[in-house]
């Protein structure tokens, strides 16, 4: 278990808390959680891209004025 924690970059205490919380979930709940985590990652990337686009447009507008 220590090797798994090292690979994940988390402490043993954090791993045990995560394991305890996941143990209570069923397979369908874990699948839904994975879908939500994937969607969350996609939305974060989209928000970062839009923020970058906004800053680029603001720079272009500032140079035109």
PDB file of N, CA and C in Angstrom:
ATOM      1  N   UNK A   1       0.824  -1.192   0.000  1.00  0.00           N
ATOM      2  CA  UNK A   1       0.000   0.000   0.000  1.00  0.00           C
ATOM      3  C   UNK A   1       0.868   1.255   0.000  1.00  0.00           C
ATOM      4  N   UNK A   2       2.013   1.191   0.658  1.00  0.00           N
ATOM      5  CA  UNK A   2       2.905   2.345   0.671  1.00  0.00           C
ATOM      6  C   UNK A   2       3.384   2.697  -0.738  1.00  0.00           C
ATOM      7  N   UNK A   3       3.625   1.663  -1.544  1.00  0.00           N
ATOM      8  CA  UNK A   3       4.070   1.905  -2.917  1.00  0.00           C
ATOM      9  C   UNK A   3       2.980   2.609  -3.727  1.00  0.00           C
ATOM     10  N   UNK A   4       1.736   2.212  -3.528  1.00  0.00           N
ATOM     11  CA  UNK A   4       0.611   2.864  -4.213  1.00  0.00           C
ATOM     12  C   UNK A   4       0.541   4.328  -3.814  1.00  0.00           C
ATOM     13  N   UNK A   5       0.701   4.603  -2.522  1.00  0.00           N
ATOM     14  CA  UNK A   5       0.667   5.990  -2.043  1.00  0.00           C
ATOM     15  C   UNK A   5       1.791   6.804  -2.658  1.00  0.00           C
ATOM     16  N   UNK A   6       2.972   6.205  -2.758  1.00  0.00           N
ATOM     17  CA  UNK A   6       4.104   6.914  -3.377  1.00  0.00           C
ATOM     18  C   UNK A   6       3.812   7.227  -4.839  1.00  0.00           C
ATOM     19  N   UNK A   7       3.242   6.258  -5.552  1.00  0.00           N
ATOM     20  CA  UNK A   7       2.929   6.462  -6.963  1.00  0.00           C
ATOM     21  C   UNK A   7       1.885   7.556  -7.154  1.00  0.00           C
ATOM     22  N   UNK A   8       0.911   7.615  -6.233  1.00  0.00           N
ATOM     23  CA  UNK A   8      -0.140   8.627  -6.322  1.00  0.00           C
ATOM     24  C   UNK A   8       0.304   9.974  -5.765  1.00  0.00           C
ATOM     25  N   UNK A   9       1.359   9.968  -4.966  1.00  0.00           N
ATOM     26  CA  UNK A   9       1.841  11.203  -4.364  1.00  0.00           C
ATOM     27  C   UNK A   9       0.961  11.670  -3.218  1.00  0.00           C
ATOM     28  N   UNK A  10       0.395  10.733  -2.476  1.00  0.00           N
ATOM     29  CA  UNK A  10      -0.461  11.072  -1.337  1.00  0.00           C
ATOM     30  C   UNK A  10       0.054  10.359  -0.095  1.00  0.00           C
ATOM     31  N   UNK A  11      -0.324  10.874   1.053  1.00  0.00           N
ATOM     32  CA  UNK A  11       0.076  10.238   2.308  1.00  0.00           C
ATOM     33  C   UNK A  11      -0.791   9.009   2.561  1.00  0.00           C
ATOM     34  N   UNK A  12      -0.309   8.161   3.438  1.00  0.00           N
ATOM     35  CA  UNK A  12      -1.061   6.962   3.803  1.00  0.00           C
ATOM     36  C   UNK A  12      -2.382   7.333   4.475  1.00  0.00           C
ATOM     37  N   UNK A  13      -2.373   8.393   5.293  1.00  0.00           N
ATOM     38  CA  UNK A  13      -3.597   8.839   5.961  1.00  0.00           C
ATOM     39  C   UNK A  13      -4.637   9.305   4.942  1.00  0.00           C
ATOM     40  N   UNK A  14      -4.204  10.063   3.945  1.00  0.00           N
ATOM     41  CA  UNK A  14      -5.110  10.527   2.895  1.00  0.00           C
ATOM     42  C   UNK A  14      -5.670   9.340   2.120  1.00  0.00           C
ATOM     43  N   UNK A  15      -4.813   8.394   1.816  1.00  0.00           N
ATOM     44  CA  UNK A  15      -5.247   7.207   1.091  1.00  0.00           C
ATOM     45  C   UNK A  15      -6.298   6.437   1.882  1.00  0.00           C
ATOM     46  N   UNK A  16      -6.084   6.300   3.195  1.00  0.00           N
ATOM     47  CA  UNK A  16      -7.037   5.567   4.029  1.00  0.00           C
ATOM     48  C   UNK A  16      -8.381   6.280   4.118  1.00  0.00           C
ATOM     49  N   UNK A  17      -8.366   7.610   4.182  1.00  0.00           N
ATOM     50  CA  UNK A  17      -9.621   8.374   4.197  1.00  0.00           C
ATOM     51  C   UNK A  17     -10.359   8.166   2.879  1.00  0.00           C
ATOM     52  N   UNK A  18      -9.633   8.244   1.775  1.00  0.00           N
ATOM     53  CA  UNK A  18     -10.231   8.040   0.456  1.00  0.00           C
ATOM     54  C   UNK A  18     -10.800   6.620   0.339  1.00  0.00           C
ATOM     55  N   UNK A  19     -10.024   5.653   0.785  1.00  0.00           N
ATOM     56  CA  UNK A  19     -10.453   4.253   0.713  1.00  0.00           C
ATOM     57  C   UNK A  19     -11.721   4.016   1.529  1.00  0.00           C
ATOM     58  N   UNK A  20     -11.780   4.610   2.719  1.00  0.00           N
ATOM     59  CA  UNK A  20     -12.949   4.461   3.581  1.00  0.00           C
ATOM     60  C   UNK A  20     -14.185   5.079   2.925  1.00  0.00           C
ATOM     61  N   UNK A  21     -14.026   6.235   2.295  1.00  0.00           N
ATOM     62  CA  UNK A  21     -15.181   6.891   1.665  1.00  0.00           C
ATOM     63  C   UNK A  21     -15.631   6.147   0.407  1.00  0.00           C
ATOM     64  N   UNK A  22     -14.688   5.588  -0.344  1.00  0.00           N
ATOM     65  CA  UNK A  22     -15.029   4.869  -1.570  1.00  0.00           C
ATOM     66  C   UNK A  22     -15.645   3.505  -1.262  1.00  0.00           C
ATOM     67  N   UNK A  23     -15.297   2.922  -0.146  1.00  0.00           N
ATOM     68  CA  UNK A  23     -15.811   1.604   0.225  1.00  0.00           C
ATOM     69  C   UNK A  23     -17.328   1.623   0.353  1.00  0.00           C
ATOM     70  N   UNK A  24     -17.879   2.761   0.732  1.00  0.00           N
ATOM     71  CA  UNK A  24     -19.321   2.864   0.940  1.00  0.00           C
ATOM     72  C   UNK A  24     -20.100   2.998  -0.369  1.00  0.00           C
ATOM     73  N   UNK A  25     -19.396   3.288  -1.454  1.00  0.00           N
ATOM     74  CA  UNK A  25     -20.060   3.482  -2.738  1.00  0.00           C
ATOM     75  C   UNK A  25     -20.206   2.161  -3.475  1.00  0.00           C
ATOM     76  N   UNK A  26     -21.279   2.082  -4.245  1.00  0.00           N
ATOM     77  CA  UNK A  26     -21.476   0.924  -5.109  1.00  0.00           C
ATOM     78  C   UNK A  26     -20.805   1.152  -6.453  1.00  0.00           C
ATOM     79  N   UNK A  27     -20.824   0.137  -7.295  1.00  0.00           N
ATOM     80  CA  UNK A  27     -20.192   0.207  -8.608  1.00  0.00           C
ATOM     81  C   UNK A  27     -20.816   1.312  -9.455  1.00  0.00           C
ATOM     82  N   UNK A  28     -22.137   1.416  -9.448  1.00  0.00           N
ATOM     83  CA  UNK A  28     -22.797   2.429 -10.270  1.00  0.00           C
ATOM     84  C   UNK A  28     -22.441   3.836  -9.782  1.00  0.00           C
ATOM     85  N   UNK A  29     -22.326   4.009  -8.469  1.00  0.00           N
ATOM     86  CA  UNK A  29     -21.943   5.320  -7.944  1.00  0.00           C
ATOM     87  C   UNK A  29     -20.509   5.669  -8.320  1.00  0.00           C
ATOM     88  N   UNK A  30     -19.623   4.683  -8.286  1.00  0.00           N
ATOM     89  CA  UNK A  30     -18.241   4.926  -8.683  1.00  0.00           C
ATOM     90  C   UNK A  30     -18.145   5.264 -10.169  1.00  0.00           C
ATOM     91  N   UNK A  31     -18.960   4.598 -10.987  1.00  0.00           N
ATOM     92  CA  UNK A  31     -18.975   4.920 -12.414  1.00  0.00           C
ATOM     93  C   UNK A  31     -19.469   6.341 -12.645  1.00  0.00           C
ATOM     94  N   UNK A  32     -20.520   6.738 -11.911  1.00  0.00           N
ATOM     95  CA  UNK A  32     -21.030   8.100 -12.030  1.00  0.00           C
ATOM     96  C   UNK A  32     -19.981   9.113 -11.580  1.00  0.00           C
ATOM     97  N   UNK A  33     -19.259   8.774 -10.515  1.00  0.00           N
ATOM     98  CA  UNK A  33     -18.197   9.652 -10.026  1.00  0.00           C
ATOM     99  C   UNK A  33     -17.114   9.828 -11.082  1.00  0.00           C
ATOM    100  N   UNK A  34     -16.723   8.747 -11.734  1.00  0.00           N
ATOM    101  CA  UNK A  34     -15.716   8.842 -12.793  1.00  0.00           C
ATOM    102  C   UNK A  34     -16.195   9.704 -13.945  1.00  0.00           C
ATOM    103  N   UNK A  35     -17.462   9.557 -14.312  1.00  0.00           N
ATOM    104  CA  UNK A  35     -18.020  10.388 -15.391  1.00  0.00           C
ATOM    105  C   UNK A  35     -17.999  11.860 -14.982  1.00  0.00           C
ATOM    106  N   UNK A  36     -18.386  12.134 -13.747  1.00  0.00           N
ATOM    107  CA  UNK A  36     -18.386  13.511 -13.259  1.00  0.00           C
ATOM    108  C   UNK A  36     -16.980  14.090 -13.194  1.00  0.00           C
ATOM    109  N   UNK A  37     -16.018  13.286 -12.768  1.00  0.00           N
ATOM    110  CA  UNK A  37     -14.639  13.766 -12.713  1.00  0.00           C
ATOM    111  C   UNK A  37     -14.103  14.069 -14.109  1.00  0.00           C
ATOM    112  N   UNK A  38     -14.433  13.219 -15.080  1.00  0.00           N
ATOM    113  CA  UNK A  38     -14.031  13.472 -16.466  1.00  0.00           C
ATOM    114  C   UNK A  38     -14.661  14.752 -16.998  1.00  0.00           C
ATOM    115  N   UNK A  39     -15.951  14.927 -16.733  1.00  0.00           N
ATOM    116  CA  UNK A  39     -16.663  16.127 -17.176  1.00  0.00           C
ATOM    117  C   UNK A  39     -16.087  17.370 -16.511  1.00  0.00           C
ATOM    118  N   UNK A  40     -15.772  17.263 -15.224  1.00  0.00           N
ATOM    119  CA  UNK A  40     -15.192  18.383 -14.502  1.00  0.00           C
ATOM    120  C   UNK A  40     -13.849  18.782 -15.114  1.00  0.00           C
ATOM    121  N   UNK A  41     -13.036  17.803 -15.445  1.00  0.00           N
ATOM    122  CA  UNK A  41     -11.754  18.083 -16.085  1.00  0.00           C
ATOM    123  C   UNK A  41     -11.938  18.763 -17.433  1.00  0.00           C
ATOM    124  N   UNK A  42     -12.911  18.287 -18.198  1.00  0.00           N
ATOM    125  CA  UNK A  42     -13.186  18.898 -19.513  1.00  0.00           C
ATOM    126  C   UNK A  42     -13.643  20.336 -19.353  1.00  0.00           C
ATOM    127  N   UNK A  43     -14.513  20.590 -18.374  1.00  0.00           N
ATOM    128  CA  UNK A  43     -15.009  21.945 -18.154  1.00  0.00           C
ATOM    129  C   UNK A  43     -13.916  22.876 -17.650  1.00  0.00           C
ATOM    130  N   UNK A  44     -13.025  22.378 -16.814  1.00  0.00           N
ATOM    131  CA  UNK A  44     -11.905  23.200 -16.339  1.00  0.00           C
ATOM    132  C   UNK A  44     -10.999  23.601 -17.495  1.00  0.00           C
ATOM    133  N   UNK A  45     -10.746  22.650 -18.402  1.00  0.00           N
ATOM    134  CA  UNK A  45      -9.919  22.948 -19.576  1.00  0.00           C
ATOM    135  C   UNK A  45     -10.607  23.981 -20.459  1.00  0.00           C
ATOM    136  N   UNK A  46     -11.908  23.827 -20.640  1.00  0.00           N
ATOM    137  CA  UNK A  46     -12.671  24.770 -21.436  1.00  0.00           C
ATOM    138  C   UNK A  46     -12.637  26.167 -20.822  1.00  0.00           C
ATOM    139  N   UNK A  47     -12.792  26.251 -19.504  1.00  0.00           N
ATOM    140  CA  UNK A  47     -12.745  27.541 -18.818  1.00  0.00           C
ATOM    141  C   UNK A  47     -11.369  28.176 -18.960  1.00  0.00           C
ATOM    142  N   UNK A  48     -10.316  27.370 -18.875  1.00  0.00           N
ATOM    143  CA  UNK A  48      -8.962  27.896 -19.036  1.00  0.00           C
ATOM    144  C   UNK A  48      -8.753  28.423 -20.453  1.00  0.00           C
ATOM    145  N   UNK A  49      -9.246  27.684 -21.448  1.00  0.00           N
ATOM    146  CA  UNK A  49      -9.128  28.132 -22.839  1.00  0.00           C
ATOM    147  C   UNK A  49      -9.883  29.441 -23.064  1.00  0.00           C
ATOM    148  N   UNK A  50     -11.080  29.548 -22.514  1.00  0.00           N
ATOM    149  CA  UNK A  50     -11.868  30.764 -22.676  1.00  0.00           C
ATOM    150  C   UNK A  50     -11.216  31.950 -21.965  1.00  0.00           C
ATOM    151  N   UNK A  51     -10.628  31.709 -20.816  1.00  0.00           N
ATOM    152  CA  UNK A  51      -9.934  32.771 -20.094  1.00  0.00           C
ATOM    153  C   UNK A  51      -8.744  33.261 -20.905  1.00  0.00           C
ATOM    154  N   UNK A  52      -8.007  32.332 -21.488  1.00  0.00           N
ATOM    155  CA  UNK A  52      -6.874  32.709 -22.333  1.00  0.00           C
ATOM    156  C   UNK A  52      -7.345  33.512 -23.537  1.00  0.00           C
ATOM    157  N   UNK A  53      -8.421  33.068 -24.169  1.00  0.00           N
ATOM    158  CA  UNK A  53      -8.978  33.808 -25.311  1.00  0.00           C
ATOM    159  C   UNK A  53      -9.368  35.226 -24.903  1.00  0.00           C
ATOM    160  N   UNK A  54      -9.975  35.380 -23.752  1.00  0.00           N
ATOM    161  CA  UNK A  54     -10.391  36.687 -23.264  1.00  0.00           C
ATOM    162  C   UNK A  54      -9.186  37.606 -23.080  1.00  0.00           C
ATOM    163  N   UNK A  55      -8.131  37.089 -22.487  1.00  0.00           N
ATOM    164  CA  UNK A  55      -6.937  37.907 -22.267  1.00  0.00           C
ATOM    165  C   UNK A  55      -6.289  38.315 -23.596  1.00  0.00           C
ATOM    166  N   UNK A  56      -6.262  37.398 -24.544  1.00  0.00           N
ATOM    167  CA  UNK A  56      -5.692  37.715 -25.852  1.00  0.00           C
ATOM    168  C   UNK A  56      -6.507  38.807 -26.527  1.00  0.00           C
ATOM    169  N   UNK A  57      -7.828  38.693 -26.477  1.00  0.00           N
ATOM    170  CA  UNK A  57      -8.686  39.711 -27.093  1.00  0.00           C
ATOM    171  C   UNK A  57      -8.529  41.054 -26.402  1.00  0.00           C
ATOM    172  N   UNK A  58      -8.390  41.050 -25.081  1.00  0.00           N
ATOM    173  CA  UNK A  58      -8.210  42.301 -24.354  1.00  0.00           C
ATOM    174  C   UNK A  58      -6.880  42.959 -24.755  1.00  0.00           C
ATOM    175  N   UNK A  59      -5.835  42.163 -24.948  1.00  0.00           N
ATOM    176  CA  UNK A  59      -4.551  42.715 -25.379  1.00  0.00           C
ATOM    177  C   UNK A  59      -4.652  43.312 -26.780  1.00  0.00           C
ATOM    178  N   UNK A  60      -5.341  42.627 -27.662  1.00  0.00           N
ATOM    179  CA  UNK A  60      -5.506  43.138 -29.040  1.00  0.00           C
ATOM    180  C   UNK A  60      -6.285  44.447 -29.012  1.00  0.00           C
ATOM    181  N   UNK A  61      -7.357  44.520 -28.240  1.00  0.00           N
ATOM    182  CA  UNK A  61      -8.132  45.746 -28.147  1.00  0.00           C
ATOM    183  C   UNK A  61      -7.333  46.883 -27.532  1.00  0.00           C
ATOM    184  N   UNK A  62      -6.512  46.575 -26.552  1.00  0.00           N
ATOM    185  CA  UNK A  62      -5.705  47.611 -25.906  1.00  0.00           C
ATOM    186  C   UNK A  62      -4.669  48.170 -26.875  1.00  0.00           C
ATOM    187  N   UNK A  63      -4.140  47.363 -27.756  1.00  0.00           N
ATOM    188  CA  UNK A  63      -3.151  47.833 -28.732  1.00  0.00           C
ATOM    189  C   UNK A  63      -3.775  48.692 -29.820  1.00  0.00           C
ATOM    190  N   UNK A  64      -5.054  48.459 -30.123  1.00  0.00           N
ATOM    191  CA  UNK A  64      -5.734  49.215 -31.165  1.00  0.00           C
ATOM    192  C   UNK A  64      -6.098  50.624 -30.686  1.00  0.00           C
ATOM    193  N   UNK A  65      -6.246  50.800 -29.392  1.00  0.00           N
ATOM    194  CA  UNK A  65      -6.680  52.092 -28.856  1.00  0.00           C
ATOM    195  C   UNK A  65      -5.561  53.037 -28.690  1.00  0.00           C
TER     196      UNK A  65
END
